[in-house]
Amino acid sequence: MKMILRYLRHFALIMTAAIPVFFTSCNKDDIINTDPGITLSFSTDTVFFDTVFTSLGSVTQYLKIYNTDENKVNISSIRLAGGEASPYRMNVNGTPATFVENIEIRGKDSLFIFIRVTINPDDQNSPFVVNDSIVFETNGNLQDVNLVSWGQNANYILADTYIQGFPKFKIVAHEFEEITWTAEKPYVIYGYAVVDSNGILNIQAGTQIHFHDANSGLWIYKGGNLKVNGTFDAPVVFQGDRLEEFYDDLPGQWDRIWINEGSVNNVINYAIIKNGFIGIQAETLQEQMGNQLILTNTIIENMTGYGLLSRFYNITSNNCLIAGCGQYLAALTWGGLYDFRHCTFANDWASSVRLTPSLVLNNYVEDQQGTVYAFEFDAYFGNCIIYGRNGEEFLDVFSEEATYNYFFDNCLLKTEKEITDPAHYLNSFKNEDPLFVNPDSLDYQLDTLSPAIDRGNPQVLIDSPFDITIDLLQVNRSESPDLGTYEFVPSTYLRRR
């Protein structure tokens, strides 16, 4: 016991002598951590201004910066990356500025920055998304926090649900709910917009739909229904959300329109689907429900992957142009029932090397164990053009374990195959350049000397379940119709752009 008391008295004397020295020469609040590896922490990595603007808008948000170190840090600079030209302004320690220097935060303390954005949402030249960032420099180490706001009046659909194995999504039409999208304001989609089972999404003529990035798309879940009701004068347009000229023909900006089996027909009429990864993926998840996709008067172009990907689906299509894709224009796989009339499949993709044919027909799938599952397949092509830069633009891969048939009626094909078998070809010809007006500009109308002029079978029009006596540009087809989507007009070329 005496030893313990003696030790405690000795320790107390040491501490008493040390206290004055500690506070005069080593105050914790005076120590600044100069380690170049020091990093700040933030309340968020993106400050998102999610107010829907209805007039000239000024919205304020805040960002909290944390110093997690025991000692003080000095932030040598905090600046808006966009500088004075930025629509954003910040307030740091009561000082409004686009650039401040030497801001200190004590150990285990924090700092608020208030950010304001001023945007005219009625400025149609403004992009949908207005980006900037706040850049922090601490001991030579740079960090930034994104600033994101909406630049135009639009209907913004933000994914709010995540299930492992699926992309983030938001249900826009719930079970037994019918929703209509109108042309009054564009729709900007973050993540996937989902139509649930037995839900219905109607999209009116002239509606503009923009997808934010490569993880965004439209998903019609099994039993759901999509009706795209465009017109010649007011097509429905699906594309990315970047409106600058550079992005006009940049592929891969968004993901896909994904349609599963439904109890009634899905309809897409007069639409332009461009600059994504897959234009339309029509896929039966469990079993066919007697439905089909009716795809008419539609342009699908400039996809990094597929224009049209089908898996055991039923598709009827006419007056459609599918053009310029990095892999397949149309991959009709795992079986299905297909009817294409007066369609042009033209692949002048030049953004990368393309090793795949434009059109592939297939009636089976093989699992990882090598087991083959084959399904019924039947495809008809009437008065169509299948053409591209590759020597072989047509591939058929079938299993004998299920019935299959395909038939090209008065079609022009780019292929190395023999096309003399009357079971599959009638009055079709191959490897003659269709002489499109300007494929480099995605103009696939027929030039004056095109071999596709007057080569069509009028019976294809007569037998069609839909009226296809006029082409995609409202030109009447003659008694000897031309092949493909566009009827040649001798006096002048009609332009769709």
Protein backbone atom coordinates (compact mmCIF):
# COMPACT_ATOMS: atom_id res chain seq x y z
CA MET A 1 0.00 0.00 0.00
CA LYS A 2 2.87 2.40 0.89
CA MET A 3 4.48 1.62 -2.47
CA ILE A 4 1.24 2.53 -4.33
CA LEU A 5 0.83 5.82 -2.45
CA ARG A 6 4.45 6.74 -3.10
CA TYR A 7 3.94 6.02 -6.84
CA LEU A 8 0.79 8.16 -7.04
CA ARG A 9 2.49 11.13 -5.31
CA HIS A 10 5.42 10.85 -7.74
CA PHE A 11 3.04 10.72 -10.77
CA ALA A 12 1.11 13.76 -9.53
CA LEU A 13 4.31 15.82 -9.24
CA ILE A 14 5.31 14.93 -12.79
CA MET A 15 1.88 15.89 -14.20
CA THR A 16 1.81 19.16 -12.22
CA ALA A 17 5.19 20.15 -13.63
CA ALA A 18 4.20 19.17 -17.16
CA ILE A 19 0.89 21.02 -17.38
CA PRO A 20 2.27 24.54 -17.91
CA VAL A 21 4.65 23.32 -20.59
CA PHE A 22 1.88 21.44 -22.41
CA PHE A 23 -0.46 24.40 -22.71
CA THR A 24 2.21 26.90 -23.68
CA SER A 25 3.95 24.88 -26.36
CA CYS A 26 1.65 22.05 -27.56
CA ASN A 27 -2.02 23.13 -27.60
CA LYS A 28 -3.94 20.51 -29.60
CA ASP A 29 -6.02 23.19 -31.35
CA ASP A 30 -2.83 24.79 -32.68
CA ILE A 31 -1.54 21.63 -34.37
CA ILE A 32 -2.35 21.52 -38.11
CA ASN A 33 -2.10 18.15 -39.82
CA THR A 34 0.05 18.62 -42.94
CA ASP A 35 -0.03 14.99 -44.04
CA PRO A 36 -0.62 14.95 -47.86
CA GLY A 37 -2.69 11.79 -47.41
CA ILE A 38 -5.29 13.55 -45.26
CA THR A 39 -8.81 13.51 -46.70
CA LEU A 40 -12.04 15.23 -45.81
CA SER A 41 -15.38 13.49 -45.43
CA PHE A 42 -18.63 14.83 -46.83
CA SER A 43 -22.31 14.44 -45.99
CA THR A 44 -22.87 13.35 -49.62
CA ASP A 45 -20.88 12.87 -52.81
CA THR A 46 -23.55 14.69 -54.85
CA VAL A 47 -25.64 17.69 -53.91
CA PHE A 48 -28.82 17.19 -55.89
CA PHE A 49 -31.28 20.04 -56.44
CA ASP A 50 -34.48 18.06 -56.85
CA THR A 51 -37.02 20.87 -56.96
CA VAL A 52 -39.14 20.94 -60.11
CA PHE A 53 -38.81 24.48 -61.39
CA THR A 54 -41.93 26.29 -62.53
CA SER A 55 -40.44 29.76 -62.91
CA LEU A 56 -37.04 31.37 -62.69
CA GLY A 57 -35.73 29.24 -59.87
CA SER A 58 -33.37 29.88 -56.97
CA VAL A 59 -32.87 26.87 -54.73
CA THR A 60 -30.48 26.46 -51.79
CA GLN A 61 -28.99 23.24 -50.48
CA TYR A 62 -26.18 22.53 -48.05
CA LEU A 63 -23.09 20.36 -47.82
CA LYS A 64 -21.40 19.34 -44.57
CA ILE A 65 -17.62 18.81 -44.52
CA TYR A 66 -16.08 16.70 -41.76
CA ASN A 67 -12.54 16.68 -40.42
CA THR A 68 -12.23 13.18 -38.94
CA ASP A 69 -8.64 13.73 -37.78
CA GLU A 70 -7.72 14.54 -34.18
CA ASN A 71 -5.89 17.69 -35.28
CA LYS A 72 -6.85 20.79 -37.19
CA VAL A 73 -6.70 20.78 -41.01
CA ASN A 74 -6.29 23.71 -43.34
CA ILE A 75 -8.23 23.57 -46.60
CA SER A 76 -6.04 25.65 -48.85
CA SER A 77 -8.82 26.28 -51.36
CA ILE A 78 -12.51 25.63 -51.97
CA ARG A 79 -13.75 26.54 -55.43
CA LEU A 80 -16.52 26.00 -57.92
CA ALA A 81 -15.07 24.15 -60.90
CA GLY A 82 -17.16 26.29 -63.25
CA GLY A 83 -15.86 29.52 -61.74
CA GLU A 84 -17.74 32.73 -62.34
CA ALA A 85 -19.61 31.18 -65.29
CA SER A 86 -21.24 28.60 -63.04
CA PRO A 87 -24.99 28.95 -62.28
CA TYR A 88 -24.09 27.85 -58.74
CA ARG A 89 -22.94 30.04 -55.86
CA MET A 90 -21.68 28.96 -52.47
CA ASN A 91 -21.44 30.50 -49.02
CA VAL A 92 -18.51 29.41 -46.85
CA ASN A 93 -18.34 30.72 -43.26
CA GLY A 94 -20.75 33.52 -44.14
CA THR A 95 -18.78 34.55 -47.24
CA PRO A 96 -20.53 34.23 -50.63
CA ALA A 97 -17.95 33.37 -53.29
CA THR A 98 -16.92 31.03 -56.08
CA PHE A 99 -13.43 30.68 -54.56
CA VAL A 100 -12.14 30.88 -50.98
CA GLU A 101 -8.74 30.13 -49.43
CA ASN A 102 -7.32 28.85 -46.14
CA ILE A 103 -10.36 27.53 -44.33
CA GLU A 104 -9.48 25.72 -41.10
CA ILE A 105 -11.53 23.00 -39.43
CA ARG A 106 -10.66 21.88 -35.91
CA GLY A 107 -10.11 18.21 -35.12
CA LYS A 108 -13.30 16.14 -35.10
CA ASP A 109 -15.26 19.19 -36.20
CA SER A 110 -17.27 20.09 -39.28
CA LEU A 111 -18.18 22.96 -41.59
CA PHE A 112 -21.32 23.86 -43.52
CA ILE A 113 -21.29 25.15 -47.08
CA PHE A 114 -24.54 26.52 -48.48
CA ILE A 115 -25.01 26.26 -52.25
CA ARG A 116 -27.52 28.07 -54.40
CA VAL A 117 -28.41 27.52 -58.04
CA THR A 118 -30.31 29.94 -60.26
CA ILE A 119 -31.79 28.53 -63.47
CA ASN A 120 -34.42 29.63 -65.94
CA PRO A 121 -36.32 26.38 -66.47
CA ASP A 122 -38.16 27.81 -69.49
CA ASP A 123 -34.91 28.24 -71.41
CA GLN A 124 -35.20 25.51 -74.02
CA ASN A 125 -31.51 25.87 -74.87
CA SER A 126 -30.60 24.80 -71.35
CA PRO A 127 -29.63 21.14 -70.89
CA PHE A 128 -31.87 18.94 -68.80
CA VAL A 129 -29.11 18.40 -66.29
CA VAL A 130 -26.87 21.25 -65.13
CA ASN A 131 -23.64 19.97 -63.59
CA ASP A 132 -20.76 21.52 -61.70
CA SER A 133 -18.65 20.53 -58.69
CA ILE A 134 -16.99 21.98 -55.61
CA VAL A 135 -13.27 21.23 -55.56
CA PHE A 136 -11.38 21.02 -52.27
CA GLU A 137 -7.58 21.12 -51.94
CA THR A 138 -6.09 19.97 -48.65
CA ASN A 139 -2.32 19.50 -48.31
CA GLY A 140 -2.11 19.16 -52.09
CA ASN A 141 -4.84 16.48 -52.12
CA LEU A 142 -7.82 17.22 -54.40
CA GLN A 143 -11.39 16.07 -53.68
CA ASP A 144 -14.67 17.12 -55.23
CA VAL A 145 -18.41 16.97 -54.64
CA ASN A 146 -20.80 16.96 -57.60
CA LEU A 147 -23.56 19.53 -58.02
CA VAL A 148 -26.55 18.41 -60.09
CA SER A 149 -29.77 20.26 -60.86
CA TRP A 150 -32.47 20.24 -63.48
CA GLY A 151 -32.15 22.81 -66.21
CA GLN A 152 -35.53 22.63 -67.93
CA ASN A 153 -39.11 22.10 -66.98
CA ALA A 154 -39.60 18.36 -67.40
CA ASN A 155 -41.12 15.33 -65.74
CA TYR A 156 -38.21 13.81 -63.82
CA ILE A 157 -38.50 10.12 -62.94
CA LEU A 158 -35.97 9.08 -60.29
CA ALA A 159 -35.31 5.42 -59.46
CA ASP A 160 -36.25 4.77 -55.83
CA THR A 161 -36.11 0.97 -55.55
CA TYR A 162 -33.24 -1.46 -55.73
CA ILE A 163 -33.44 -5.27 -55.71
CA GLN A 164 -30.17 -7.16 -55.93
CA GLY A 165 -29.61 -8.46 -59.43
CA PHE A 166 -31.81 -5.82 -61.04
CA PRO A 167 -31.14 -2.21 -62.04
CA LYS A 168 -32.52 0.60 -59.88
CA PHE A 169 -36.08 1.42 -60.88
CA LYS A 170 -39.24 3.35 -60.18
CA ILE A 171 -42.70 1.96 -60.91
CA VAL A 172 -44.54 4.47 -63.10
CA ALA A 173 -47.66 2.35 -63.64
CA HIS A 174 -48.64 0.02 -60.80
CA GLU A 175 -50.80 -3.08 -61.08
CA PHE A 176 -54.14 -2.32 -62.75
CA GLU A 177 -53.13 1.34 -63.12
CA GLU A 178 -53.30 3.17 -66.46
CA ILE A 179 -50.92 6.09 -66.91
CA THR A 180 -50.59 8.48 -69.85
CA TRP A 181 -47.47 10.45 -70.74
CA THR A 182 -48.18 13.59 -72.76
CA ALA A 183 -46.10 15.85 -74.97
CA GLU A 184 -46.47 18.92 -72.74
CA LYS A 185 -43.10 18.40 -71.04
CA PRO A 186 -40.27 15.94 -71.73
CA TYR A 187 -39.68 12.94 -69.48
CA VAL A 188 -36.18 12.48 -68.05
CA ILE A 189 -35.58 9.03 -66.55
CA TYR A 190 -32.91 8.16 -63.97
CA GLY A 191 -32.65 4.37 -63.70
CA TYR A 192 -35.49 2.28 -65.09
CA ALA A 193 -39.11 3.37 -65.43
CA VAL A 194 -41.20 0.23 -64.83
CA VAL A 195 -44.73 -0.70 -65.88
CA ASP A 196 -45.82 -3.40 -63.44
CA SER A 197 -47.97 -6.45 -64.19
CA ASN A 198 -51.40 -5.44 -65.56
CA GLY A 199 -50.30 -1.79 -65.63
CA ILE A 200 -50.69 0.24 -68.81
CA LEU A 201 -48.49 3.06 -70.08
CA ASN A 202 -49.87 5.19 -72.92
CA ILE A 203 -47.42 7.58 -74.60
CA GLN A 204 -49.02 10.28 -76.70
CA ALA A 205 -47.80 11.66 -80.01
CA GLY A 206 -44.86 14.06 -79.83
CA THR A 207 -43.68 12.95 -76.38
CA GLN A 208 -39.92 13.26 -75.84
CA ILE A 209 -38.38 10.66 -73.53
CA HIS A 210 -34.79 11.08 -72.33
CA PHE A 211 -32.72 8.53 -70.43
CA HIS A 212 -29.99 9.81 -68.14
CA ASP A 213 -27.23 7.24 -68.56
CA ALA A 214 -26.25 3.68 -69.48
CA ASN A 215 -28.20 2.34 -66.47
CA SER A 216 -31.48 3.91 -67.58
CA GLY A 217 -34.31 2.48 -69.65
CA LEU A 218 -37.98 1.56 -69.89
CA TRP A 219 -39.14 -1.83 -68.60
CA ILE A 220 -42.57 -3.30 -69.38
CA TYR A 221 -42.76 -6.14 -66.88
CA LYS A 222 -44.62 -9.36 -67.69
CA GLY A 223 -48.32 -8.73 -67.96
CA GLY A 224 -47.76 -4.99 -68.40
CA ASN A 225 -48.69 -3.07 -71.51
CA LEU A 226 -47.10 -0.31 -73.61
CA LYS A 227 -48.91 1.82 -76.18
CA VAL A 228 -46.72 4.28 -78.08
CA ASN A 229 -49.09 6.38 -80.16
CA GLY A 230 -46.89 8.59 -82.31
CA THR A 231 -47.83 10.10 -85.65
CA PHE A 232 -45.92 11.03 -88.79
CA ASP A 233 -45.89 14.71 -87.80
CA ALA A 234 -45.27 14.02 -84.11
CA PRO A 235 -43.29 10.82 -83.48
CA VAL A 236 -42.42 9.69 -79.97
CA VAL A 237 -38.66 9.98 -79.45
CA PHE A 238 -36.53 7.87 -77.11
CA GLN A 239 -32.94 9.10 -76.63
CA GLY A 240 -30.34 10.26 -74.09
CA ASP A 241 -30.67 13.43 -72.02
CA ARG A 242 -27.67 15.29 -73.42
CA LEU A 243 -28.93 17.85 -75.92
CA GLU A 244 -25.64 19.30 -77.14
CA GLU A 245 -24.86 18.78 -80.83
CA PHE A 246 -21.97 16.44 -79.97
CA TYR A 247 -24.46 13.89 -78.59
CA ASP A 248 -26.84 13.92 -81.58
CA ASP A 249 -25.39 10.71 -83.02
CA LEU A 250 -23.40 9.33 -80.08
CA PRO A 251 -24.45 5.71 -79.36
CA GLY A 252 -24.58 4.00 -75.98
CA GLN A 253 -26.04 6.90 -73.98
CA TRP A 254 -28.77 4.76 -72.37
CA ASP A 255 -29.68 1.09 -72.01
CA ARG A 256 -32.85 -0.28 -73.61
CA ILE A 257 -36.63 -0.62 -73.90
CA TRP A 258 -37.30 -4.02 -72.33
CA ILE A 259 -40.69 -5.62 -72.99
CA ASN A 260 -41.80 -8.90 -71.37
CA GLU A 261 -44.79 -11.07 -72.18
CA GLY A 262 -48.19 -9.44 -71.81
CA SER A 263 -51.82 -10.46 -71.89
CA VAL A 264 -52.56 -7.94 -74.67
CA ASN A 265 -50.54 -6.51 -77.55
CA ASN A 266 -47.79 -3.98 -76.99
CA VAL A 267 -47.85 -1.32 -79.71
CA ILE A 268 -45.14 1.05 -80.92
CA ASN A 269 -46.21 3.26 -83.82
CA TYR A 270 -44.25 6.20 -85.22
CA ALA A 271 -41.33 6.23 -82.83
CA ILE A 272 -37.66 7.14 -83.13
CA ILE A 273 -35.43 5.07 -80.85
CA LYS A 274 -31.78 6.09 -81.00
CA ASN A 275 -28.35 6.28 -79.40
CA GLY A 276 -28.70 3.53 -76.79
CA PHE A 277 -27.33 0.04 -76.25
CA ILE A 278 -30.37 -2.05 -77.29
CA GLY A 279 -33.31 -0.40 -79.03
CA ILE A 280 -35.97 -2.95 -78.07
CA GLN A 281 -35.52 -6.19 -76.17
CA ALA A 282 -38.73 -8.23 -76.42
CA GLU A 283 -38.38 -11.26 -74.17
CA THR A 284 -40.69 -13.91 -72.78
CA LEU A 285 -39.66 -14.57 -69.18
CA GLN A 286 -41.90 -17.58 -68.43
CA GLU A 287 -44.43 -18.39 -71.13
CA GLN A 288 -46.15 -16.70 -74.03
CA MET A 289 -49.50 -15.20 -73.13
CA GLY A 290 -50.91 -14.84 -76.64
CA ASN A 291 -49.46 -11.37 -76.99
CA GLN A 292 -47.38 -9.73 -79.64
CA LEU A 293 -45.37 -6.58 -80.22
CA ILE A 294 -46.79 -4.57 -83.10
CA LEU A 295 -43.94 -2.40 -84.31
CA THR A 296 -44.82 -0.02 -87.13
CA ASN A 297 -43.50 3.15 -88.80
CA THR A 298 -40.54 3.22 -86.45
CA ILE A 299 -36.82 4.04 -86.75
CA ILE A 300 -34.30 2.27 -84.52
CA GLU A 301 -30.77 3.50 -85.12
CA ASN A 302 -27.28 3.97 -83.76
CA MET A 303 -27.20 1.35 -81.01
CA THR A 304 -23.89 0.03 -79.67
CA GLY A 305 -25.42 -3.45 -79.33
CA TYR A 306 -28.69 -4.53 -80.92
CA GLY A 307 -31.45 -2.71 -82.75
CA LEU A 308 -34.01 -5.41 -81.96
CA LEU A 309 -33.37 -8.39 -79.68
CA SER A 310 -36.13 -10.96 -79.39
CA ARG A 311 -36.27 -14.09 -77.24
CA PHE A 312 -39.25 -16.38 -77.89
CA TYR A 313 -41.51 -13.48 -78.78
CA ASN A 314 -44.23 -12.69 -81.31
CA ILE A 315 -43.46 -9.59 -83.39
CA THR A 316 -45.32 -8.08 -86.31
CA SER A 317 -43.51 -5.19 -87.98
CA ASN A 318 -43.86 -3.03 -91.08
CA ASN A 319 -42.48 0.24 -92.42
CA CYS A 320 -39.58 0.08 -89.99
CA LEU A 321 -35.96 1.09 -90.42
CA ILE A 322 -33.33 -0.55 -88.22
CA ALA A 323 -29.91 0.86 -88.98
CA GLY A 324 -26.36 1.41 -87.78
CA CYS A 325 -25.80 -0.97 -84.83
CA GLY A 326 -22.54 -2.23 -83.36
CA GLN A 327 -23.62 -5.89 -83.21
CA TYR A 328 -26.93 -7.12 -84.64
CA LEU A 329 -29.68 -5.10 -86.27
CA ALA A 330 -32.17 -7.85 -85.44
CA ALA A 331 -31.45 -10.98 -83.40
CA LEU A 332 -34.55 -13.18 -83.40
CA THR A 333 -33.58 -15.91 -80.94
CA TRP A 334 -34.93 -18.78 -78.82
CA GLY A 335 -37.79 -19.27 -81.26
CA GLY A 336 -40.81 -17.04 -81.76
CA LEU A 337 -43.22 -15.87 -84.44
CA TYR A 338 -42.22 -12.97 -86.72
CA ASP A 339 -43.70 -11.06 -89.64
CA PHE A 340 -41.69 -8.22 -91.24
CA ARG A 341 -42.97 -6.34 -94.30
CA HIS A 342 -41.38 -3.40 -96.08
CA CYS A 343 -38.60 -3.07 -93.53
CA THR A 344 -35.04 -1.94 -94.14
CA PHE A 345 -32.21 -3.49 -92.16
CA ALA A 346 -29.11 -1.49 -93.08
CA ASN A 347 -25.85 -1.65 -91.17
CA ASP A 348 -23.15 0.90 -91.98
CA TRP A 349 -21.83 0.94 -88.41
CA ALA A 350 -18.36 2.49 -88.44
CA SER A 351 -17.68 3.37 -84.79
CA SER A 352 -15.87 0.06 -84.18
CA VAL A 353 -15.10 -3.26 -85.84
CA ARG A 354 -18.30 -5.28 -86.26
CA LEU A 355 -17.87 -9.05 -86.56
CA THR A 356 -21.54 -10.02 -86.27
CA PRO A 357 -24.13 -10.23 -89.07
CA SER A 358 -27.01 -7.79 -89.23
CA LEU A 359 -29.71 -10.47 -89.02
CA VAL A 360 -29.59 -13.70 -87.01
CA LEU A 361 -32.36 -16.30 -86.74
CA ASN A 362 -32.24 -18.93 -83.99
CA ASN A 363 -34.67 -21.33 -82.30
CA TYR A 364 -32.84 -22.62 -79.24
CA VAL A 365 -30.79 -21.82 -76.17
CA GLU A 366 -28.05 -23.93 -74.61
CA ASP A 367 -27.38 -23.86 -70.87
CA GLN A 368 -24.00 -24.12 -69.14
CA GLN A 369 -24.28 -27.91 -68.96
CA GLY A 370 -24.76 -28.14 -72.74
CA THR A 371 -28.46 -28.97 -72.59
CA VAL A 372 -30.34 -27.60 -75.60
CA TYR A 373 -33.84 -26.14 -75.24
CA ALA A 374 -35.51 -25.68 -78.62
CA PHE A 375 -38.69 -23.72 -79.43
CA GLU A 376 -40.99 -23.25 -82.37
CA PHE A 377 -39.74 -20.64 -84.86
CA ASP A 378 -41.45 -19.06 -87.85
CA ALA A 379 -40.33 -15.86 -89.61
CA TYR A 380 -41.58 -14.12 -92.73
CA PHE A 381 -39.84 -11.24 -94.53
CA GLY A 382 -41.76 -9.59 -97.37
CA ASN A 383 -40.30 -6.85 -99.64
CA CYS A 384 -37.44 -6.21 -97.20
CA ILE A 385 -33.80 -5.14 -97.55
CA ILE A 386 -31.09 -6.75 -95.41
CA TYR A 387 -27.77 -5.11 -96.21
CA GLY A 388 -24.53 -3.94 -94.62
CA ARG A 389 -20.77 -3.60 -94.90
CA ASN A 390 -19.92 -7.17 -93.96
CA GLY A 391 -19.69 -9.94 -96.52
CA GLU A 392 -22.19 -12.02 -94.55
CA GLU A 393 -25.14 -10.21 -93.03
CA PHE A 394 -27.45 -13.18 -92.47
CA LEU A 395 -26.97 -16.07 -90.03
CA ASP A 396 -29.41 -18.89 -89.34
CA VAL A 397 -28.69 -21.30 -86.47
CA PHE A 398 -31.40 -23.87 -85.78
CA SER A 399 -31.94 -27.02 -83.74
CA GLU A 400 -33.88 -29.91 -85.27
CA GLU A 401 -35.48 -30.55 -81.88
CA ALA A 402 -38.23 -27.99 -82.66
CA THR A 403 -39.98 -26.98 -85.85
CA TYR A 404 -38.62 -23.94 -87.65
CA ASN A 405 -39.21 -22.08 -90.87
CA TYR A 406 -38.19 -18.79 -92.43
CA PHE A 407 -39.18 -17.27 -95.75
CA PHE A 408 -37.85 -14.31 -97.74
CA ASP A 409 -40.43 -13.07 -100.23
CA ASN A 410 -38.98 -10.65 -102.80
CA CYS A 411 -36.12 -9.48 -100.59
CA LEU A 412 -32.63 -8.12 -101.19
CA LEU A 413 -30.02 -9.79 -98.95
CA LYS A 414 -26.30 -9.35 -98.35
CA THR A 415 -25.16 -12.95 -97.92
CA GLU A 416 -22.73 -15.61 -99.08
CA LYS A 417 -25.45 -18.27 -98.81
CA GLU A 418 -27.24 -19.85 -101.71
CA ILE A 419 -30.76 -18.45 -101.83
CA THR A 420 -32.33 -20.79 -104.36
CA ASP A 421 -34.24 -23.09 -102.00
CA PRO A 422 -37.96 -22.39 -102.73
CA ALA A 423 -38.81 -23.44 -99.20
CA HIS A 424 -37.06 -20.32 -97.92
CA TYR A 425 -36.77 -17.84 -100.84
CA LEU A 426 -39.11 -16.48 -103.48
CA ASN A 427 -37.90 -13.97 -106.09
CA SER A 428 -35.19 -12.79 -103.75
CA PHE A 429 -31.73 -11.65 -104.86
CA LYS A 430 -28.45 -10.94 -103.14
CA ASN A 431 -25.36 -8.74 -102.93
CA GLU A 432 -26.59 -5.87 -105.09
CA ASP A 433 -25.91 -2.49 -103.53
CA PRO A 434 -29.32 -0.95 -102.78
CA LEU A 435 -27.80 2.52 -103.39
CA PHE A 436 -29.14 4.34 -100.39
CA VAL A 437 -29.09 8.12 -100.69
CA ASN A 438 -26.59 8.76 -97.86
CA PRO A 439 -26.04 5.92 -95.38
CA ASP A 440 -23.27 7.89 -93.63
CA SER A 441 -25.99 10.32 -92.56
CA LEU A 442 -28.43 7.48 -91.81
CA ASP A 443 -30.51 8.36 -94.87
CA TYR A 444 -31.74 5.07 -96.30
CA GLN A 445 -34.07 6.32 -98.99
CA LEU A 446 -33.43 4.81 -102.42
CA ASP A 447 -31.30 6.60 -104.96
CA THR A 448 -32.25 6.88 -108.64
CA LEU A 449 -30.47 3.72 -109.82
CA SER A 450 -31.31 1.50 -106.85
CA PRO A 451 -31.97 -2.15 -107.82
CA ALA A 452 -34.64 -2.23 -105.09
CA ILE A 453 -36.98 0.00 -107.13
CA ASP A 454 -40.08 -1.82 -108.42
CA ARG A 455 -38.81 -5.18 -107.15
CA GLY A 456 -41.52 -5.74 -104.55
CA ASN A 457 -44.40 -8.19 -104.58
CA PRO A 458 -47.78 -6.38 -104.38
CA GLN A 459 -49.26 -9.44 -102.70
CA VAL A 460 -47.13 -8.62 -99.64
CA LEU A 461 -49.26 -5.48 -99.18
CA ILE A 462 -52.52 -7.28 -99.83
CA ASP A 463 -51.82 -10.03 -97.31
CA SER A 464 -50.57 -7.68 -94.59
CA PRO A 465 -52.63 -7.55 -91.39
CA PHE A 466 -52.09 -3.76 -91.45
CA ASP A 467 -52.40 -1.10 -94.13
CA ILE A 468 -48.92 -0.58 -95.58
CA THR A 469 -49.91 1.08 -98.84
CA ILE A 470 -48.00 4.20 -97.75
CA ASP A 471 -44.36 4.24 -96.68
CA LEU A 472 -42.69 5.78 -93.65
CA LEU A 473 -42.68 9.21 -95.33
CA GLN A 474 -46.36 9.01 -96.33
CA VAL A 475 -45.59 8.23 -99.97
CA ASN A 476 -48.09 5.95 -101.71
CA ARG A 477 -46.66 2.65 -102.85
CA SER A 478 -47.16 1.87 -106.52
CA GLU A 479 -48.56 -1.28 -108.11
CA SER A 480 -44.94 -2.42 -108.29
CA PRO A 481 -43.75 -1.43 -104.82
CA ASP A 482 -40.11 -0.80 -104.01
CA LEU A 483 -38.28 -2.88 -101.43
CA GLY A 484 -37.69 -1.58 -97.94
CA THR A 485 -39.14 1.18 -95.84
CA TYR A 486 -39.08 3.98 -98.41
CA GLU A 487 -40.75 4.23 -101.79
CA PHE A 488 -38.60 5.99 -104.36
CA VAL A 489 -39.88 9.40 -105.50
CA PRO A 490 -38.40 10.34 -108.90
CA SER A 491 -38.98 14.10 -108.73
CA THR A 492 -37.38 14.83 -105.38
CA TYR A 493 -36.01 13.19 -102.27
CA LEU A 494 -38.04 13.53 -99.14
CA ARG A 495 -35.92 14.07 -96.08
CA ARG A 496 -36.78 12.89 -92.61
CA ARG A 497 -34.16 15.14 -90.96
